[in-house]
């Protein structure tokens, strides 16, 4: 299999963490891919018409794209149980959506600063994205610590990678403020081998 890959993408990192945690890293070749929403990676449209990474090319089926689809496929392939059944399964999917929502908001903040001309940037838009991140972190801190502290699943991976990306691009805004339980959980999660190995370059 071939993974279209960028080391700074938080969505690629999710997939990489799953590859490490499920022992499938050697089954995948990494294809370095760079681009932005304004200048998509050349040639990627043939693999993913949305021109986003990650995309997972398989020898025996369609190319998969969207990190949630790829992570679900890799979990099923390895029978790893990162998407449990029953009530915990719905919680896992909700946590994964929460983590991806944090990442979505953080990426929009990054793009606003990097891609939009300075005179056209909207502080109110950036602040609205940050409010989403604050609300999500507060909810995780108040409601989800028990689940986050349980057996490893895709929800934990999504939240861990999301918080890592917020630190990577927006650390000064201080998502940890008022979220002591979440900060303590993340400190431990960030020490996992899969997280340390996939730390993006500075």
C-alpha atoms as a PDB file:
ATOM      1  CA  UNK A   1       0.000   0.000   0.000  1.00  0.00           C
ATOM      2  CA  UNK A   2       1.051   3.597  -0.562  1.00  0.00           C
ATOM      3  CA  UNK A   3       0.186   6.459   1.799  1.00  0.00           C
ATOM      4  CA  UNK A   4       0.206   9.962   0.356  1.00  0.00           C
ATOM      5  CA  UNK A   5       1.771  11.729   3.255  1.00  0.00           C
ATOM      6  CA  UNK A   6       2.821  15.060   4.748  1.00  0.00           C
ATOM      7  CA  UNK A   7       4.608  14.975   8.120  1.00  0.00           C
ATOM      8  CA  UNK A   8       2.954  18.182   9.360  1.00  0.00           C
ATOM      9  CA  UNK A   9      -0.620  17.120   8.557  1.00  0.00           C
ATOM     10  CA  UNK A  10      -2.539  16.242  11.741  1.00  0.00           C
ATOM     11  CA  UNK A  11      -4.803  13.953   9.716  1.00  0.00           C
ATOM     12  CA  UNK A  12      -1.818  12.076   8.311  1.00  0.00           C
ATOM     13  CA  UNK A  13      -0.507  11.831  11.858  1.00  0.00           C
ATOM     14  CA  UNK A  14      -3.694  10.070  12.950  1.00  0.00           C
ATOM     15  CA  UNK A  15      -3.121   7.449  10.287  1.00  0.00           C
ATOM     16  CA  UNK A  16       0.554   7.116  11.168  1.00  0.00           C
ATOM     17  CA  UNK A  17      -0.278   6.602  14.845  1.00  0.00           C
ATOM     18  CA  UNK A  18      -2.752   3.864  13.877  1.00  0.00           C
ATOM     19  CA  UNK A  19      -0.115   2.224  11.667  1.00  0.00           C
ATOM     20  CA  UNK A  20       2.333   2.204  14.576  1.00  0.00           C
ATOM     21  CA  UNK A  21      -0.203   1.024  17.145  1.00  0.00           C
ATOM     22  CA  UNK A  22      -1.471  -1.818  14.929  1.00  0.00           C
ATOM     23  CA  UNK A  23       1.924  -2.989  13.672  1.00  0.00           C
ATOM     24  CA  UNK A  24       1.257  -2.223  10.004  1.00  0.00           C
ATOM     25  CA  UNK A  25       3.902   0.412   9.318  1.00  0.00           C
ATOM     26  CA  UNK A  26       6.001  -1.937   7.185  1.00  0.00           C
ATOM     27  CA  UNK A  27       2.981  -2.629   4.966  1.00  0.00           C
ATOM     28  CA  UNK A  28       2.906   0.964   3.740  1.00  0.00           C
ATOM     29  CA  UNK A  29       5.206   3.049   1.554  1.00  0.00           C
ATOM     30  CA  UNK A  30       5.132   6.767   2.313  1.00  0.00           C
ATOM     31  CA  UNK A  31       4.763   9.070  -0.682  1.00  0.00           C
ATOM     32  CA  UNK A  32       5.776  12.626   0.267  1.00  0.00           C
ATOM     33  CA  UNK A  33       3.025  15.019  -0.848  1.00  0.00           C
ATOM     34  CA  UNK A  34       2.884  18.775  -0.332  1.00  0.00           C
ATOM     35  CA  UNK A  35       0.219  21.323  -1.169  1.00  0.00           C
ATOM     36  CA  UNK A  36      -2.221  23.875   0.218  1.00  0.00           C
ATOM     37  CA  UNK A  37      -5.920  24.575  -0.363  1.00  0.00           C
ATOM     38  CA  UNK A  38      -4.816  27.206  -2.898  1.00  0.00           C
ATOM     39  CA  UNK A  39      -2.161  25.048  -4.550  1.00  0.00           C
ATOM     40  CA  UNK A  40      -3.063  21.343  -4.256  1.00  0.00           C
ATOM     41  CA  UNK A  41      -0.373  18.729  -4.683  1.00  0.00           C
ATOM     42  CA  UNK A  42       0.311  17.980  -8.325  1.00  0.00           C
ATOM     43  CA  UNK A  43      -1.027  14.592  -9.357  1.00  0.00           C
ATOM     44  CA  UNK A  44      -3.001  13.934  -6.182  1.00  0.00           C
ATOM     45  CA  UNK A  45      -6.358  14.524  -7.864  1.00  0.00           C
ATOM     46  CA  UNK A  46      -6.011  11.141  -9.576  1.00  0.00           C
ATOM     47  CA  UNK A  47      -5.892   9.495  -6.150  1.00  0.00           C
ATOM     48  CA  UNK A  48      -8.213  11.797  -4.220  1.00  0.00           C
ATOM     49  CA  UNK A  49     -10.455  14.184  -6.167  1.00  0.00           C
ATOM     50  CA  UNK A  50     -10.566  16.415  -3.078  1.00  0.00           C
ATOM     51  CA  UNK A  51      -6.741  16.750  -3.362  1.00  0.00           C
ATOM     52  CA  UNK A  52      -6.184  16.214   0.354  1.00  0.00           C
ATOM     53  CA  UNK A  53      -3.859  13.986   2.348  1.00  0.00           C
ATOM     54  CA  UNK A  54      -3.947  11.363   3.648  1.00  0.00           C
ATOM     55  CA  UNK A  55      -4.889   9.049   0.810  1.00  0.00           C
ATOM     56  CA  UNK A  56      -4.171   5.325   0.958  1.00  0.00           C
ATOM     57  CA  UNK A  57      -3.605   3.574  -2.362  1.00  0.00           C
ATOM     58  CA  UNK A  58      -4.292  -0.165  -2.212  1.00  0.00           C
ATOM     59  CA  UNK A  59      -3.375  -2.904  -4.696  1.00  0.00           C
ATOM     60  CA  UNK A  60      -6.748  -4.598  -4.309  1.00  0.00           C
ATOM     61  CA  UNK A  61      -9.300  -1.800  -4.135  1.00  0.00           C
ATOM     62  CA  UNK A  62     -10.043   1.879  -4.521  1.00  0.00           C
ATOM     63  CA  UNK A  63      -7.767   4.503  -3.006  1.00  0.00           C
ATOM     64  CA  UNK A  64      -9.139   5.437   0.397  1.00  0.00           C
ATOM     65  CA  UNK A  65      -9.217   9.024   1.589  1.00  0.00           C
ATOM     66  CA  UNK A  66     -10.293  10.911   4.694  1.00  0.00           C
ATOM     67  CA  UNK A  67      -8.423   9.947   7.835  1.00  0.00           C
ATOM     68  CA  UNK A  68     -11.489   8.413   9.457  1.00  0.00           C
ATOM     69  CA  UNK A  69     -12.032   6.071   6.524  1.00  0.00           C
ATOM     70  CA  UNK A  70      -8.363   5.069   6.421  1.00  0.00           C
ATOM     71  CA  UNK A  71      -8.138   4.531  10.180  1.00  0.00           C
ATOM     72  CA  UNK A  72     -11.279   2.402  10.124  1.00  0.00           C
ATOM     73  CA  UNK A  73      -9.855   0.320   7.263  1.00  0.00           C
ATOM     74  CA  UNK A  74      -6.506  -0.194   8.994  1.00  0.00           C
ATOM     75  CA  UNK A  75      -8.203  -1.157  12.245  1.00  0.00           C
ATOM     76  CA  UNK A  76     -10.357  -3.743  10.455  1.00  0.00           C
ATOM     77  CA  UNK A  77      -7.340  -5.050   8.535  1.00  0.00           C
ATOM     78  CA  UNK A  78      -5.396  -5.623  11.754  1.00  0.00           C
ATOM     79  CA  UNK A  79      -8.422  -6.626  13.851  1.00  0.00           C
ATOM     80  CA  UNK A  80      -7.059  -4.197  16.435  1.00  0.00           C
ATOM     81  CA  UNK A  81     -10.314  -3.169  18.117  1.00  0.00           C
ATOM     82  CA  UNK A  82      -9.751   0.588  17.907  1.00  0.00           C
ATOM     83  CA  UNK A  83     -13.445   0.922  16.984  1.00  0.00           C
ATOM     84  CA  UNK A  84     -15.203  -1.085  19.695  1.00  0.00           C
ATOM     85  CA  UNK A  85     -18.750  -2.375  19.491  1.00  0.00           C
ATOM     86  CA  UNK A  86     -21.705  -1.379  21.652  1.00  0.00           C
ATOM     87  CA  UNK A  87     -22.104   1.806  23.676  1.00  0.00           C
ATOM     88  CA  UNK A  88     -18.375   2.466  23.831  1.00  0.00           C
ATOM     89  CA  UNK A  89     -18.260   2.316  20.037  1.00  0.00           C
ATOM     90  CA  UNK A  90     -20.626   5.281  19.726  1.00  0.00           C
ATOM     91  CA  UNK A  91     -18.569   7.165  22.292  1.00  0.00           C
ATOM     92  CA  UNK A  92     -15.422   6.386  20.321  1.00  0.00           C
ATOM     93  CA  UNK A  93     -16.936   7.759  17.114  1.00  0.00           C
ATOM     94  CA  UNK A  94     -18.118  10.880  18.925  1.00  0.00           C
ATOM     95  CA  UNK A  95     -14.660  11.428  20.389  1.00  0.00           C
ATOM     96  CA  UNK A  96     -13.088  10.952  16.973  1.00  0.00           C
ATOM     97  CA  UNK A  97     -15.460  13.561  15.536  1.00  0.00           C
ATOM     98  CA  UNK A  98     -14.609  15.907  18.402  1.00  0.00           C
ATOM     99  CA  UNK A  99     -10.887  15.509  17.816  1.00  0.00           C
ATOM    100  CA  UNK A 100     -11.301  16.056  14.078  1.00  0.00           C
ATOM    101  CA  UNK A 101     -13.468  19.105  14.774  1.00  0.00           C
ATOM    102  CA  UNK A 102     -10.700  20.607  16.903  1.00  0.00           C
ATOM    103  CA  UNK A 103      -8.266  19.937  14.089  1.00  0.00           C
ATOM    104  CA  UNK A 104     -10.599  21.465  11.491  1.00  0.00           C
ATOM    105  CA  UNK A 105     -10.869  24.678  13.512  1.00  0.00           C
ATOM    106  CA  UNK A 106      -7.139  24.847  14.181  1.00  0.00           C
ATOM    107  CA  UNK A 107      -6.355  24.336  10.486  1.00  0.00           C
ATOM    108  CA  UNK A 108      -8.721  27.137   9.493  1.00  0.00           C
ATOM    109  CA  UNK A 109      -6.886  29.415  11.913  1.00  0.00           C
ATOM    110  CA  UNK A 110      -3.580  28.405  10.357  1.00  0.00           C
ATOM    111  CA  UNK A 111      -4.820  28.952   6.805  1.00  0.00           C
ATOM    112  CA  UNK A 112      -6.272  32.345   7.672  1.00  0.00           C
ATOM    113  CA  UNK A 113      -2.847  33.492   8.875  1.00  0.00           C
ATOM    114  CA  UNK A 114      -0.773  31.844   6.157  1.00  0.00           C
ATOM    115  CA  UNK A 115      -2.865  31.985   2.991  1.00  0.00           C
ATOM    116  CA  UNK A 116      -5.070  35.053   3.211  1.00  0.00           C
ATOM    117  CA  UNK A 117      -3.456  38.426   2.428  1.00  0.00           C
ATOM    118  CA  UNK A 118      -2.812  40.363   5.622  1.00  0.00           C
ATOM    119  CA  UNK A 119      -5.280  43.133   4.876  1.00  0.00           C
ATOM    120  CA  UNK A 120      -8.094  40.626   4.281  1.00  0.00           C
ATOM    121  CA  UNK A 121      -7.713  38.523   7.424  1.00  0.00           C
ATOM    122  CA  UNK A 122     -10.657  38.362   9.822  1.00  0.00           C
ATOM    123  CA  UNK A 123      -9.798  38.330  13.508  1.00  0.00           C
ATOM    124  CA  UNK A 124     -13.436  37.551  14.309  1.00  0.00           C
ATOM    125  CA  UNK A 125     -13.269  34.421  12.148  1.00  0.00           C
ATOM    126  CA  UNK A 126     -10.101  33.241  13.894  1.00  0.00           C
ATOM    127  CA  UNK A 127     -11.608  33.943  17.307  1.00  0.00           C
ATOM    128  CA  UNK A 128     -14.731  31.966  16.369  1.00  0.00           C
ATOM    129  CA  UNK A 129     -12.583  28.965  15.447  1.00  0.00           C
ATOM    130  CA  UNK A 130     -10.706  29.243  18.715  1.00  0.00           C
ATOM    131  CA  UNK A 131     -14.011  29.340  20.603  1.00  0.00           C
ATOM    132  CA  UNK A 132     -14.884  25.979  19.056  1.00  0.00           C
ATOM    133  CA  UNK A 133     -11.578  24.573  20.298  1.00  0.00           C
ATOM    134  CA  UNK A 134     -12.127  26.010  23.778  1.00  0.00           C
ATOM    135  CA  UNK A 135     -15.655  24.575  23.937  1.00  0.00           C
ATOM    136  CA  UNK A 136     -14.473  21.164  22.791  1.00  0.00           C
ATOM    137  CA  UNK A 137     -11.604  21.094  25.288  1.00  0.00           C
ATOM    138  CA  UNK A 138     -13.947  22.103  28.113  1.00  0.00           C
ATOM    139  CA  UNK A 139     -16.349  19.307  27.161  1.00  0.00           C
ATOM    140  CA  UNK A 140     -13.534  16.760  26.975  1.00  0.00           C
ATOM    141  CA  UNK A 141     -12.274  17.894  30.382  1.00  0.00           C
ATOM    142  CA  UNK A 142     -15.720  17.711  32.001  1.00  0.00           C
ATOM    143  CA  UNK A 143     -17.247  14.667  30.347  1.00  0.00           C
ATOM    144  CA  UNK A 144     -14.729  12.425  28.606  1.00  0.00           C
ATOM    145  CA  UNK A 145     -11.732  11.806  30.852  1.00  0.00           C
ATOM    146  CA  UNK A 146     -12.959   8.368  31.927  1.00  0.00           C
ATOM    147  CA  UNK A 147     -13.225   7.234  28.312  1.00  0.00           C
ATOM    148  CA  UNK A 148      -9.943   8.857  27.339  1.00  0.00           C
ATOM    149  CA  UNK A 149      -8.247   7.028  30.204  1.00  0.00           C
ATOM    150  CA  UNK A 150      -9.619   3.628  29.151  1.00  0.00           C
ATOM    151  CA  UNK A 151      -8.347   1.123  26.567  1.00  0.00           C
ATOM    152  CA  UNK A 152      -6.787   2.704  23.496  1.00  0.00           C
ATOM    153  CA  UNK A 153      -9.240   3.505  20.717  1.00  0.00           C
ATOM    154  CA  UNK A 154      -9.608   5.732  17.660  1.00  0.00           C
ATOM    155  CA  UNK A 155     -11.263   8.494  19.674  1.00  0.00           C
ATOM    156  CA  UNK A 156      -8.229   8.860  21.903  1.00  0.00           C
ATOM    157  CA  UNK A 157      -5.925   8.929  18.884  1.00  0.00           C
ATOM    158  CA  UNK A 158      -7.998  11.651  17.192  1.00  0.00           C
ATOM    159  CA  UNK A 159      -8.101  13.819  20.318  1.00  0.00           C
ATOM    160  CA  UNK A 160      -4.394  13.295  21.021  1.00  0.00           C
ATOM    161  CA  UNK A 161      -3.384  14.259  17.489  1.00  0.00           C
ATOM    162  CA  UNK A 162      -5.730  17.253  17.536  1.00  0.00           C
ATOM    163  CA  UNK A 163      -4.311  18.645  20.768  1.00  0.00           C
ATOM    164  CA  UNK A 164      -0.795  18.044  19.464  1.00  0.00           C
ATOM    165  CA  UNK A 165      -1.620  20.097  16.363  1.00  0.00           C
ATOM    166  CA  UNK A 166      -3.046  22.925  18.467  1.00  0.00           C
ATOM    167  CA  UNK A 167       0.230  22.938  20.415  1.00  0.00           C
ATOM    168  CA  UNK A 168       2.199  22.828  17.151  1.00  0.00           C
ATOM    169  CA  UNK A 169       0.502  25.840  15.551  1.00  0.00           C
ATOM    170  CA  UNK A 170      -1.351  27.739  18.301  1.00  0.00           C
ATOM    171  CA  UNK A 171       0.339  26.888  21.601  1.00  0.00           C
ATOM    172  CA  UNK A 172       0.336  30.500  22.812  1.00  0.00           C
ATOM    173  CA  UNK A 173      -3.473  30.513  23.061  1.00  0.00           C
ATOM    174  CA  UNK A 174      -3.313  28.049  25.956  1.00  0.00           C
ATOM    175  CA  UNK A 175      -5.924  25.306  25.499  1.00  0.00           C
ATOM    176  CA  UNK A 176      -4.811  23.855  28.856  1.00  0.00           C
ATOM    177  CA  UNK A 177      -6.197  26.808  30.830  1.00  0.00           C
ATOM    178  CA  UNK A 178      -9.010  25.494  33.031  1.00  0.00           C
ATOM    179  CA  UNK A 179      -8.650  21.981  31.605  1.00  0.00           C
ATOM    180  CA  UNK A 180      -6.334  20.358  34.129  1.00  0.00           C
ATOM    181  CA  UNK A 181      -7.681  16.814  33.724  1.00  0.00           C
ATOM    182  CA  UNK A 182      -7.436  16.954  29.947  1.00  0.00           C
ATOM    183  CA  UNK A 183      -3.950  18.428  30.121  1.00  0.00           C
ATOM    184  CA  UNK A 184      -2.839  15.635  32.461  1.00  0.00           C
ATOM    185  CA  UNK A 185      -4.309  12.978  30.170  1.00  0.00           C
ATOM    186  CA  UNK A 186      -2.644  14.484  27.123  1.00  0.00           C
ATOM    187  CA  UNK A 187       0.736  14.698  28.863  1.00  0.00           C
ATOM    188  CA  UNK A 188       0.642  10.950  29.323  1.00  0.00           C
ATOM    189  CA  UNK A 189      -0.772  10.173  25.891  1.00  0.00           C
ATOM    190  CA  UNK A 190       1.891  12.285  24.176  1.00  0.00           C
ATOM    191  CA  UNK A 191       4.559   9.988  25.635  1.00  0.00           C
ATOM    192  CA  UNK A 192       3.291   6.952  23.746  1.00  0.00           C
ATOM    193  CA  UNK A 193       5.873   5.651  21.290  1.00  0.00           C
ATOM    194  CA  UNK A 194       3.498   6.171  18.377  1.00  0.00           C
ATOM    195  CA  UNK A 195       3.088   9.838  19.261  1.00  0.00           C
ATOM    196  CA  UNK A 196       6.761  10.518  19.870  1.00  0.00           C
ATOM    197  CA  UNK A 197       7.749   8.835  16.605  1.00  0.00           C
ATOM    198  CA  UNK A 198       5.256  10.872  14.594  1.00  0.00           C
ATOM    199  CA  UNK A 199       6.120  14.315  16.010  1.00  0.00           C
ATOM    200  CA  UNK A 200       6.179  16.740  13.071  1.00  0.00           C
ATOM    201  CA  UNK A 201       9.375  18.599  12.202  1.00  0.00           C
ATOM    202  CA  UNK A 202       9.663  22.047  13.802  1.00  0.00           C
END
